[in-house]
């Protein structure tokens, strides 16, 4: 009875562990770069899978051959022939060198083609007019400016589904990296410089965005949500946000640029049209004009 109970317990533990492992693997497949929501992310997933398969074409036979040779030439195998005078085999040399050479050629070809097809600054082919978003990395938050809509957000990116988005990115402080794993391509943001990135998301939902480059104490809180909504909902959201709440001008930007982390999403109903260019060229907007003191009139 005791043996039977222990056997049942082991089976139950094994089943529980297997279920937990399966759930963990399946959960990992539903997020990140292996679950793309747009054409760029899907193309990069294909490149990742193809490259891994090509490399496994060398790794797996090598492992099998290593185990096979060790087993065949074991001490107890009397059938293994010992050849102390053997030195060279042209056929073996051809196999040994041709497989790695072919692998390098295939990987090089994939890299060459994909680096041109997925050039970050190249516009995506689409009949839909792209949306422009200006991105500024701050300490430690993300500022998204919609110049065509005249609004801005902090730690909240909203884009229309099925629409190419032209991101223009810079940094107001140190180097950083803009990355929404399920959208695709990460790219650096650098002070006094504009980088360009074209992405598209086709599946509705909210996706995690982050900084992929350590930038100081508040780095863990430098995260945001990327919301993919229907085009009509995006237009409605932008229209409702415009003119409401505070405006993002020199004074409010100066307050926003102060180091802070885990900042909750903010929406600005108006934006200084030259703000992004001022950040790129000068590292920030010109100082806000001082309010002149009130003066009285003499009697």
C-alpha atoms as a PDB file:
ATOM      1  CA  UNK A   1       0.000   0.000   0.000  1.00  0.00           C
ATOM      2  CA  UNK A   2       2.803   2.395   0.876  1.00  0.00           C
ATOM      3  CA  UNK A   3       4.560   1.689  -2.423  1.00  0.00           C
ATOM      4  CA  UNK A   4       1.340   2.224  -4.336  1.00  0.00           C
ATOM      5  CA  UNK A   5       0.722   5.537  -2.550  1.00  0.00           C
ATOM      6  CA  UNK A   6       4.242   6.743  -3.304  1.00  0.00           C
ATOM      7  CA  UNK A   7       3.831   5.761  -6.958  1.00  0.00           C
ATOM      8  CA  UNK A   8       0.549   7.689  -7.185  1.00  0.00           C
ATOM      9  CA  UNK A   9       2.192  10.706  -5.556  1.00  0.00           C
ATOM     10  CA  UNK A  10       5.110  10.610  -8.025  1.00  0.00           C
ATOM     11  CA  UNK A  11       2.710  10.364 -10.957  1.00  0.00           C
ATOM     12  CA  UNK A  12       0.674  13.277  -9.649  1.00  0.00           C
ATOM     13  CA  UNK A  13       3.775  15.419  -9.139  1.00  0.00           C
ATOM     14  CA  UNK A  14       5.051  14.525 -12.620  1.00  0.00           C
ATOM     15  CA  UNK A  15       1.727  15.433 -14.221  1.00  0.00           C
ATOM     16  CA  UNK A  16       1.579  18.718 -12.299  1.00  0.00           C
ATOM     17  CA  UNK A  17       5.129  19.629 -13.337  1.00  0.00           C
ATOM     18  CA  UNK A  18       4.419  18.734 -16.960  1.00  0.00           C
ATOM     19  CA  UNK A  19       1.280  20.869 -16.992  1.00  0.00           C
ATOM     20  CA  UNK A  20       3.142  23.795 -15.417  1.00  0.00           C
ATOM     21  CA  UNK A  21       5.961  23.493 -17.960  1.00  0.00           C
ATOM     22  CA  UNK A  22       3.458  23.317 -20.840  1.00  0.00           C
ATOM     23  CA  UNK A  23       1.617  26.374 -19.556  1.00  0.00           C
ATOM     24  CA  UNK A  24       4.897  28.280 -19.262  1.00  0.00           C
ATOM     25  CA  UNK A  25       5.939  27.367 -22.812  1.00  0.00           C
ATOM     26  CA  UNK A  26       2.530  28.235 -24.265  1.00  0.00           C
ATOM     27  CA  UNK A  27       2.432  31.522 -22.367  1.00  0.00           C
ATOM     28  CA  UNK A  28       5.825  32.448 -23.809  1.00  0.00           C
ATOM     29  CA  UNK A  29       4.549  31.753 -27.328  1.00  0.00           C
ATOM     30  CA  UNK A  30       1.697  34.246 -26.949  1.00  0.00           C
ATOM     31  CA  UNK A  31       3.896  37.262 -26.368  1.00  0.00           C
ATOM     32  CA  UNK A  32       7.018  38.975 -27.579  1.00  0.00           C
ATOM     33  CA  UNK A  33       8.839  38.591 -30.845  1.00  0.00           C
ATOM     34  CA  UNK A  34       7.372  35.116 -31.464  1.00  0.00           C
ATOM     35  CA  UNK A  35       3.853  36.570 -31.555  1.00  0.00           C
ATOM     36  CA  UNK A  36       4.132  39.473 -34.047  1.00  0.00           C
ATOM     37  CA  UNK A  37       1.160  41.713 -34.822  1.00  0.00           C
ATOM     38  CA  UNK A  38       2.446  43.407 -37.984  1.00  0.00           C
ATOM     39  CA  UNK A  39       4.377  42.755 -41.215  1.00  0.00           C
ATOM     40  CA  UNK A  40       7.777  43.845 -39.878  1.00  0.00           C
ATOM     41  CA  UNK A  41       7.530  41.669 -36.782  1.00  0.00           C
ATOM     42  CA  UNK A  42       6.295  38.723 -38.883  1.00  0.00           C
ATOM     43  CA  UNK A  43       9.232  39.066 -41.298  1.00  0.00           C
ATOM     44  CA  UNK A  44      11.712  39.193 -38.414  1.00  0.00           C
ATOM     45  CA  UNK A  45      10.131  36.096 -36.852  1.00  0.00           C
ATOM     46  CA  UNK A  46      10.600  34.240 -40.154  1.00  0.00           C
ATOM     47  CA  UNK A  47      14.261  35.310 -40.281  1.00  0.00           C
ATOM     48  CA  UNK A  48      14.786  34.129 -36.694  1.00  0.00           C
ATOM     49  CA  UNK A  49      13.218  30.722 -37.366  1.00  0.00           C
ATOM     50  CA  UNK A  50      15.073  30.218 -40.659  1.00  0.00           C
ATOM     51  CA  UNK A  51      18.420  31.213 -39.150  1.00  0.00           C
ATOM     52  CA  UNK A  52      17.901  28.879 -36.192  1.00  0.00           C
ATOM     53  CA  UNK A  53      16.980  25.994 -38.507  1.00  0.00           C
ATOM     54  CA  UNK A  54      20.068  26.561 -40.645  1.00  0.00           C
ATOM     55  CA  UNK A  55      22.357  26.586 -37.605  1.00  0.00           C
ATOM     56  CA  UNK A  56      20.689  23.457 -36.201  1.00  0.00           C
ATOM     57  CA  UNK A  57      21.530  21.730 -39.479  1.00  0.00           C
ATOM     58  CA  UNK A  58      25.148  21.811 -38.261  1.00  0.00           C
ATOM     59  CA  UNK A  59      24.647  21.502 -34.516  1.00  0.00           C
ATOM     60  CA  UNK A  60      22.387  18.420 -34.487  1.00  0.00           C
ATOM     61  CA  UNK A  61      24.513  16.253 -36.869  1.00  0.00           C
ATOM     62  CA  UNK A  62      27.641  17.307 -34.974  1.00  0.00           C
ATOM     63  CA  UNK A  63      26.161  16.236 -31.641  1.00  0.00           C
ATOM     64  CA  UNK A  64      24.898  12.951 -33.113  1.00  0.00           C
ATOM     65  CA  UNK A  65      28.264  12.268 -34.769  1.00  0.00           C
ATOM     66  CA  UNK A  66      30.156  13.010 -31.540  1.00  0.00           C
ATOM     67  CA  UNK A  67      28.011  10.586 -29.550  1.00  0.00           C
ATOM     68  CA  UNK A  68      28.172   8.021 -32.358  1.00  0.00           C
ATOM     69  CA  UNK A  69      31.966   8.130 -32.623  1.00  0.00           C
ATOM     70  CA  UNK A  70      32.366   7.903 -28.858  1.00  0.00           C
ATOM     71  CA  UNK A  71      30.052   4.890 -28.721  1.00  0.00           C
ATOM     72  CA  UNK A  72      31.591   3.085 -31.742  1.00  0.00           C
ATOM     73  CA  UNK A  73      35.200   3.541 -30.694  1.00  0.00           C
ATOM     74  CA  UNK A  74      34.558   2.585 -27.093  1.00  0.00           C
ATOM     75  CA  UNK A  75      37.052   0.251 -25.496  1.00  0.00           C
ATOM     76  CA  UNK A  76      34.754  -2.761 -25.489  1.00  0.00           C
ATOM     77  CA  UNK A  77      33.862  -2.662 -29.202  1.00  0.00           C
ATOM     78  CA  UNK A  78      36.029  -5.268 -30.924  1.00  0.00           C
ATOM     79  CA  UNK A  79      34.605  -4.354 -34.370  1.00  0.00           C
ATOM     80  CA  UNK A  80      36.128  -0.852 -34.284  1.00  0.00           C
ATOM     81  CA  UNK A  81      39.196  -0.788 -36.519  1.00  0.00           C
ATOM     82  CA  UNK A  82      42.293   0.975 -35.231  1.00  0.00           C
ATOM     83  CA  UNK A  83      44.291   2.734 -37.996  1.00  0.00           C
ATOM     84  CA  UNK A  84      47.378   4.393 -36.526  1.00  0.00           C
ATOM     85  CA  UNK A  85      48.798   5.251 -39.972  1.00  0.00           C
ATOM     86  CA  UNK A  86      45.631   6.962 -41.342  1.00  0.00           C
ATOM     87  CA  UNK A  87      46.277  10.633 -42.187  1.00  0.00           C
ATOM     88  CA  UNK A  88      43.969  12.128 -44.817  1.00  0.00           C
ATOM     89  CA  UNK A  89      40.635  11.694 -46.603  1.00  0.00           C
ATOM     90  CA  UNK A  90      39.600  14.132 -49.324  1.00  0.00           C
ATOM     91  CA  UNK A  91      35.947  13.097 -49.048  1.00  0.00           C
ATOM     92  CA  UNK A  92      35.870  13.779 -45.311  1.00  0.00           C
ATOM     93  CA  UNK A  93      37.614  17.124 -45.758  1.00  0.00           C
ATOM     94  CA  UNK A  94      35.048  18.118 -48.400  1.00  0.00           C
ATOM     95  CA  UNK A  95      32.135  17.291 -46.101  1.00  0.00           C
ATOM     96  CA  UNK A  96      33.737  18.912 -43.055  1.00  0.00           C
ATOM     97  CA  UNK A  97      34.386  22.214 -44.848  1.00  0.00           C
ATOM     98  CA  UNK A  98      31.467  22.383 -47.295  1.00  0.00           C
ATOM     99  CA  UNK A  99      28.694  22.231 -44.678  1.00  0.00           C
ATOM    100  CA  UNK A 100      29.979  25.230 -42.645  1.00  0.00           C
ATOM    101  CA  UNK A 101      30.667  27.123 -45.871  1.00  0.00           C
ATOM    102  CA  UNK A 102      27.120  26.541 -47.110  1.00  0.00           C
ATOM    103  CA  UNK A 103      25.747  27.563 -43.709  1.00  0.00           C
ATOM    104  CA  UNK A 104      27.673  30.833 -43.772  1.00  0.00           C
ATOM    105  CA  UNK A 105      26.494  31.514 -47.325  1.00  0.00           C
ATOM    106  CA  UNK A 106      22.861  30.880 -46.389  1.00  0.00           C
ATOM    107  CA  UNK A 107      23.036  33.005 -43.230  1.00  0.00           C
ATOM    108  CA  UNK A 108      24.866  35.736 -45.127  1.00  0.00           C
ATOM    109  CA  UNK A 109      22.221  35.693 -47.849  1.00  0.00           C
ATOM    110  CA  UNK A 110      19.398  35.964 -45.314  1.00  0.00           C
ATOM    111  CA  UNK A 111      21.164  38.858 -43.580  1.00  0.00           C
ATOM    112  CA  UNK A 112      21.884  40.666 -46.845  1.00  0.00           C
ATOM    113  CA  UNK A 113      18.319  40.384 -48.156  1.00  0.00           C
ATOM    114  CA  UNK A 114      16.592  41.177 -44.864  1.00  0.00           C
ATOM    115  CA  UNK A 115      18.825  44.177 -44.119  1.00  0.00           C
ATOM    116  CA  UNK A 116      17.585  45.761 -47.354  1.00  0.00           C
ATOM    117  CA  UNK A 117      13.950  44.616 -47.184  1.00  0.00           C
ATOM    118  CA  UNK A 118      13.587  45.679 -43.534  1.00  0.00           C
ATOM    119  CA  UNK A 119      15.544  48.946 -43.666  1.00  0.00           C
ATOM    120  CA  UNK A 120      13.987  50.856 -40.712  1.00  0.00           C
ATOM    121  CA  UNK A 121      13.799  54.210 -42.504  1.00  0.00           C
ATOM    122  CA  UNK A 122      12.205  52.776 -45.669  1.00  0.00           C
ATOM    123  CA  UNK A 123       8.438  53.462 -45.918  1.00  0.00           C
ATOM    124  CA  UNK A 124       6.195  50.401 -45.804  1.00  0.00           C
ATOM    125  CA  UNK A 125       4.248  49.512 -48.928  1.00  0.00           C
ATOM    126  CA  UNK A 126       0.623  50.403 -48.285  1.00  0.00           C
ATOM    127  CA  UNK A 127      -2.302  52.199 -49.901  1.00  0.00           C
ATOM    128  CA  UNK A 128      -3.098  53.802 -46.537  1.00  0.00           C
ATOM    129  CA  UNK A 129      -1.606  57.173 -45.656  1.00  0.00           C
ATOM    130  CA  UNK A 130       0.934  56.748 -42.835  1.00  0.00           C
ATOM    131  CA  UNK A 131       0.625  58.403 -39.445  1.00  0.00           C
ATOM    132  CA  UNK A 132       3.596  60.378 -38.116  1.00  0.00           C
ATOM    133  CA  UNK A 133       4.616  60.029 -34.472  1.00  0.00           C
ATOM    134  CA  UNK A 134       7.543  61.958 -32.971  1.00  0.00           C
ATOM    135  CA  UNK A 135       9.154  60.038 -30.120  1.00  0.00           C
ATOM    136  CA  UNK A 136      11.335  61.567 -27.395  1.00  0.00           C
ATOM    137  CA  UNK A 137      13.050  59.472 -24.728  1.00  0.00           C
ATOM    138  CA  UNK A 138      13.339  61.280 -21.399  1.00  0.00           C
ATOM    139  CA  UNK A 139      14.530  60.339 -17.909  1.00  0.00           C
ATOM    140  CA  UNK A 140      12.688  57.914 -17.487  1.00  0.00           C
ATOM    141  CA  UNK A 141       9.605  58.076 -19.646  1.00  0.00           C
ATOM    142  CA  UNK A 142       8.505  58.274 -23.268  1.00  0.00           C
ATOM    143  CA  UNK A 143       6.962  61.318 -24.944  1.00  0.00           C
ATOM    144  CA  UNK A 144       4.886  60.737 -28.092  1.00  0.00           C
ATOM    145  CA  UNK A 145       3.974  63.755 -30.204  1.00  0.00           C
ATOM    146  CA  UNK A 146       1.343  63.555 -32.963  1.00  0.00           C
ATOM    147  CA  UNK A 147       2.160  66.598 -35.125  1.00  0.00           C
ATOM    148  CA  UNK A 148      -0.712  66.066 -37.566  1.00  0.00           C
ATOM    149  CA  UNK A 149      -3.250  65.683 -34.760  1.00  0.00           C
ATOM    150  CA  UNK A 150      -1.741  68.449 -32.591  1.00  0.00           C
ATOM    151  CA  UNK A 151      -1.656  66.342 -29.410  1.00  0.00           C
ATOM    152  CA  UNK A 152       0.907  64.466 -27.318  1.00  0.00           C
ATOM    153  CA  UNK A 153       0.991  61.641 -24.795  1.00  0.00           C
ATOM    154  CA  UNK A 154       3.387  60.339 -22.160  1.00  0.00           C
ATOM    155  CA  UNK A 155       3.907  56.593 -21.688  1.00  0.00           C
ATOM    156  CA  UNK A 156       0.953  55.826 -23.939  1.00  0.00           C
ATOM    157  CA  UNK A 157       1.235  55.148 -27.663  1.00  0.00           C
ATOM    158  CA  UNK A 158      -1.981  54.958 -29.683  1.00  0.00           C
ATOM    159  CA  UNK A 159      -1.849  53.895 -33.353  1.00  0.00           C
ATOM    160  CA  UNK A 160      -4.502  52.899 -35.902  1.00  0.00           C
ATOM    161  CA  UNK A 161      -4.616  49.258 -36.990  1.00  0.00           C
ATOM    162  CA  UNK A 162      -3.528  48.433 -40.518  1.00  0.00           C
ATOM    163  CA  UNK A 163      -1.864  51.829 -40.938  1.00  0.00           C
ATOM    164  CA  UNK A 164       1.873  52.401 -41.420  1.00  0.00           C
ATOM    165  CA  UNK A 165       3.374  54.592 -38.709  1.00  0.00           C
ATOM    166  CA  UNK A 166       6.392  56.760 -39.433  1.00  0.00           C
ATOM    167  CA  UNK A 167       8.291  57.183 -36.164  1.00  0.00           C
ATOM    168  CA  UNK A 168      10.808  60.009 -35.861  1.00  0.00           C
ATOM    169  CA  UNK A 169      12.864  59.485 -32.743  1.00  0.00           C
ATOM    170  CA  UNK A 170      15.319  61.439 -30.639  1.00  0.00           C
ATOM    171  CA  UNK A 171      16.529  61.633 -27.059  1.00  0.00           C
ATOM    172  CA  UNK A 172      16.460  64.605 -24.745  1.00  0.00           C
ATOM    173  CA  UNK A 173      19.038  63.017 -22.434  1.00  0.00           C
ATOM    174  CA  UNK A 174      21.178  59.912 -22.999  1.00  0.00           C
ATOM    175  CA  UNK A 175      21.061  57.159 -25.596  1.00  0.00           C
ATOM    176  CA  UNK A 176      18.061  54.873 -25.351  1.00  0.00           C
ATOM    177  CA  UNK A 177      16.280  52.191 -27.363  1.00  0.00           C
ATOM    178  CA  UNK A 178      12.630  52.253 -28.446  1.00  0.00           C
ATOM    179  CA  UNK A 179      11.161  48.743 -28.632  1.00  0.00           C
ATOM    180  CA  UNK A 180       7.698  47.238 -28.904  1.00  0.00           C
ATOM    181  CA  UNK A 181       8.612  43.534 -29.279  1.00  0.00           C
ATOM    182  CA  UNK A 182       5.403  42.494 -31.047  1.00  0.00           C
ATOM    183  CA  UNK A 183       5.665  45.381 -33.539  1.00  0.00           C
ATOM    184  CA  UNK A 184       9.223  44.505 -34.591  1.00  0.00           C
ATOM    185  CA  UNK A 185      12.549  46.338 -35.013  1.00  0.00           C
ATOM    186  CA  UNK A 186      14.080  48.153 -32.036  1.00  0.00           C
ATOM    187  CA  UNK A 187      15.986  51.358 -32.741  1.00  0.00           C
ATOM    188  CA  UNK A 188      18.208  53.787 -30.858  1.00  0.00           C
ATOM    189  CA  UNK A 189      17.199  57.264 -29.801  1.00  0.00           C
ATOM    190  CA  UNK A 190      20.162  59.634 -29.611  1.00  0.00           C
ATOM    191  CA  UNK A 191      20.476  63.261 -28.489  1.00  0.00           C
ATOM    192  CA  UNK A 192      20.804  65.910 -31.212  1.00  0.00           C
ATOM    193  CA  UNK A 193      19.890  63.315 -33.843  1.00  0.00           C
ATOM    194  CA  UNK A 194      16.716  61.956 -35.470  1.00  0.00           C
ATOM    195  CA  UNK A 195      16.371  58.274 -36.305  1.00  0.00           C
ATOM    196  CA  UNK A 196      13.492  56.959 -38.390  1.00  0.00           C
ATOM    197  CA  UNK A 197      11.491  53.781 -38.051  1.00  0.00           C
ATOM    198  CA  UNK A 198       8.481  52.516 -40.012  1.00  0.00           C
ATOM    199  CA  UNK A 199       6.233  49.923 -38.404  1.00  0.00           C
ATOM    200  CA  UNK A 200       2.668  48.691 -38.724  1.00  0.00           C
ATOM    201  CA  UNK A 201       0.353  46.817 -36.364  1.00  0.00           C
ATOM    202  CA  UNK A 202      -2.602  44.900 -37.771  1.00  0.00           C
ATOM    203  CA  UNK A 203      -4.034  43.230 -34.666  1.00  0.00           C
ATOM    204  CA  UNK A 204      -6.109  45.191 -32.167  1.00  0.00           C
ATOM    205  CA  UNK A 205      -4.928  45.159 -28.564  1.00  0.00           C
ATOM    206  CA  UNK A 206      -2.576  46.649 -25.978  1.00  0.00           C
ATOM    207  CA  UNK A 207       1.092  45.683 -26.220  1.00  0.00           C
ATOM    208  CA  UNK A 208       4.098  46.248 -23.992  1.00  0.00           C
ATOM    209  CA  UNK A 209       6.655  48.852 -25.006  1.00  0.00           C
ATOM    210  CA  UNK A 210       9.936  49.383 -23.239  1.00  0.00           C
ATOM    211  CA  UNK A 211      13.407  50.804 -23.175  1.00  0.00           C
ATOM    212  CA  UNK A 212      15.951  48.195 -24.277  1.00  0.00           C
ATOM    213  CA  UNK A 213      19.032  50.142 -23.160  1.00  0.00           C
ATOM    214  CA  UNK A 214      20.021  50.780 -19.534  1.00  0.00           C
ATOM    215  CA  UNK A 215      19.863  54.504 -18.857  1.00  0.00           C
ATOM    216  CA  UNK A 216      20.115  55.032 -15.111  1.00  0.00           C
ATOM    217  CA  UNK A 217      18.291  54.542 -11.829  1.00  0.00           C
ATOM    218  CA  UNK A 218      14.760  54.913 -13.215  1.00  0.00           C
ATOM    219  CA  UNK A 219      15.293  52.512 -16.121  1.00  0.00           C
ATOM    220  CA  UNK A 220      12.984  49.727 -14.803  1.00  0.00           C
ATOM    221  CA  UNK A 221      10.023  52.113 -14.863  1.00  0.00           C
ATOM    222  CA  UNK A 222      10.621  53.312 -18.425  1.00  0.00           C
ATOM    223  CA  UNK A 223       7.732  51.336 -19.907  1.00  0.00           C
ATOM    224  CA  UNK A 224       4.608  52.191 -21.866  1.00  0.00           C
ATOM    225  CA  UNK A 225       1.544  50.617 -23.450  1.00  0.00           C
ATOM    226  CA  UNK A 226       1.083  50.593 -27.215  1.00  0.00           C
ATOM    227  CA  UNK A 227      -2.631  50.564 -28.038  1.00  0.00           C
ATOM    228  CA  UNK A 228      -3.687  49.407 -31.507  1.00  0.00           C
ATOM    229  CA  UNK A 229      -7.225  50.613 -32.231  1.00  0.00           C
ATOM    230  CA  UNK A 230      -9.487  50.780 -35.314  1.00  0.00           C
ATOM    231  CA  UNK A 231      -8.733  53.797 -37.557  1.00  0.00           C
ATOM    232  CA  UNK A 232     -12.080  55.446 -36.799  1.00  0.00           C
ATOM    233  CA  UNK A 233     -11.473  55.037 -33.061  1.00  0.00           C
ATOM    234  CA  UNK A 234      -8.017  56.577 -33.442  1.00  0.00           C
ATOM    235  CA  UNK A 235      -9.516  59.594 -35.245  1.00  0.00           C
ATOM    236  CA  UNK A 236     -12.168  59.923 -32.536  1.00  0.00           C
ATOM    237  CA  UNK A 237      -9.577  59.658 -29.751  1.00  0.00           C
ATOM    238  CA  UNK A 238      -7.386  62.340 -31.326  1.00  0.00           C
ATOM    239  CA  UNK A 239     -10.363  64.626 -31.905  1.00  0.00           C
ATOM    240  CA  UNK A 240     -11.559  64.289 -28.309  1.00  0.00           C
ATOM    241  CA  UNK A 241      -8.068  64.839 -26.888  1.00  0.00           C
ATOM    242  CA  UNK A 242      -7.414  67.953 -28.971  1.00  0.00           C
ATOM    243  CA  UNK A 243      -7.995  71.145 -27.024  1.00  0.00           C
ATOM    244  CA  UNK A 244      -8.641  69.383 -23.716  1.00  0.00           C
ATOM    245  CA  UNK A 245      -6.324  69.366 -20.739  1.00  0.00           C
ATOM    246  CA  UNK A 246      -3.037  71.202 -20.523  1.00  0.00           C
ATOM    247  CA  UNK A 247      -0.864  72.180 -23.471  1.00  0.00           C
ATOM    248  CA  UNK A 248       2.679  70.952 -23.988  1.00  0.00           C
ATOM    249  CA  UNK A 249       4.722  74.112 -24.318  1.00  0.00           C
ATOM    250  CA  UNK A 250       8.100  75.293 -23.035  1.00  0.00           C
ATOM    251  CA  UNK A 251       6.948  75.548 -19.430  1.00  0.00           C
ATOM    252  CA  UNK A 252       5.156  72.191 -19.200  1.00  0.00           C
ATOM    253  CA  UNK A 253       7.935  70.438 -21.119  1.00  0.00           C
ATOM    254  CA  UNK A 254      10.525  71.751 -18.663  1.00  0.00           C
ATOM    255  CA  UNK A 255       8.527  70.192 -15.819  1.00  0.00           C
ATOM    256  CA  UNK A 256       8.020  66.964 -17.749  1.00  0.00           C
ATOM    257  CA  UNK A 257      11.725  66.638 -18.575  1.00  0.00           C
ATOM    258  CA  UNK A 258      12.685  66.432 -14.903  1.00  0.00           C
ATOM    259  CA  UNK A 259      13.820  62.888 -13.995  1.00  0.00           C
ATOM    260  CA  UNK A 260      10.926  60.689 -12.897  1.00  0.00           C
ATOM    261  CA  UNK A 261      10.023  57.024 -13.256  1.00  0.00           C
ATOM    262  CA  UNK A 262       6.883  54.872 -13.375  1.00  0.00           C
ATOM    263  CA  UNK A 263       4.975  57.866 -14.724  1.00  0.00           C
ATOM    264  CA  UNK A 264       1.287  57.278 -15.373  1.00  0.00           C
ATOM    265  CA  UNK A 265      -0.044  58.067 -18.884  1.00  0.00           C
ATOM    266  CA  UNK A 266      -0.629  61.760 -19.620  1.00  0.00           C
ATOM    267  CA  UNK A 267      -2.399  63.350 -22.586  1.00  0.00           C
ATOM    268  CA  UNK A 268      -1.753  66.905 -23.776  1.00  0.00           C
ATOM    269  CA  UNK A 269      -4.499  68.608 -25.773  1.00  0.00           C
ATOM    270  CA  UNK A 270      -2.098  70.907 -27.636  1.00  0.00           C
ATOM    271  CA  UNK A 271       1.587  70.889 -28.572  1.00  0.00           C
ATOM    272  CA  UNK A 272       4.038  73.607 -29.495  1.00  0.00           C
ATOM    273  CA  UNK A 273       4.582  72.897 -33.255  1.00  0.00           C
ATOM    274  CA  UNK A 274       8.346  73.416 -33.020  1.00  0.00           C
ATOM    275  CA  UNK A 275       8.900  71.405 -29.857  1.00  0.00           C
ATOM    276  CA  UNK A 276      10.358  68.258 -31.432  1.00  0.00           C
ATOM    277  CA  UNK A 277      12.761  70.190 -33.683  1.00  0.00           C
ATOM    278  CA  UNK A 278      13.847  72.288 -30.710  1.00  0.00           C
ATOM    279  CA  UNK A 279      14.604  69.135 -28.724  1.00  0.00           C
ATOM    280  CA  UNK A 280      16.646  67.734 -31.621  1.00  0.00           C
ATOM    281  CA  UNK A 281      18.638  70.887 -32.349  1.00  0.00           C
ATOM    282  CA  UNK A 282      18.976  72.403 -28.892  1.00  0.00           C
ATOM    283  CA  UNK A 283      18.246  69.537 -26.523  1.00  0.00           C
ATOM    284  CA  UNK A 284      15.016  71.229 -25.421  1.00  0.00           C
ATOM    285  CA  UNK A 285      12.686  74.137 -26.117  1.00  0.00           C
ATOM    286  CA  UNK A 286      13.650  77.723 -25.471  1.00  0.00           C
ATOM    287  CA  UNK A 287      12.879  78.866 -21.945  1.00  0.00           C
ATOM    288  CA  UNK A 288       9.382  80.110 -21.362  1.00  0.00           C
ATOM    289  CA  UNK A 289       9.063  83.908 -21.306  1.00  0.00           C
ATOM    290  CA  UNK A 290       8.976  85.348 -17.846  1.00  0.00           C
ATOM    291  CA  UNK A 291       5.694  86.877 -16.741  1.00  0.00           C
ATOM    292  CA  UNK A 292       6.191  90.645 -16.432  1.00  0.00           C
ATOM    293  CA  UNK A 293       5.468  92.051 -12.970  1.00  0.00           C
ATOM    294  CA  UNK A 294       2.259  93.996 -12.528  1.00  0.00           C
ATOM    295  CA  UNK A 295       2.744  97.747 -12.489  1.00  0.00           C
ATOM    296  CA  UNK A 296       0.410 100.284 -10.961  1.00  0.00           C
ATOM    297  CA  UNK A 297      -0.482 103.694 -12.412  1.00  0.00           C
ATOM    298  CA  UNK A 298       0.389 106.785 -10.461  1.00  0.00           C
ATOM    299  CA  UNK A 299      -2.261 109.279  -9.536  1.00  0.00           C
END
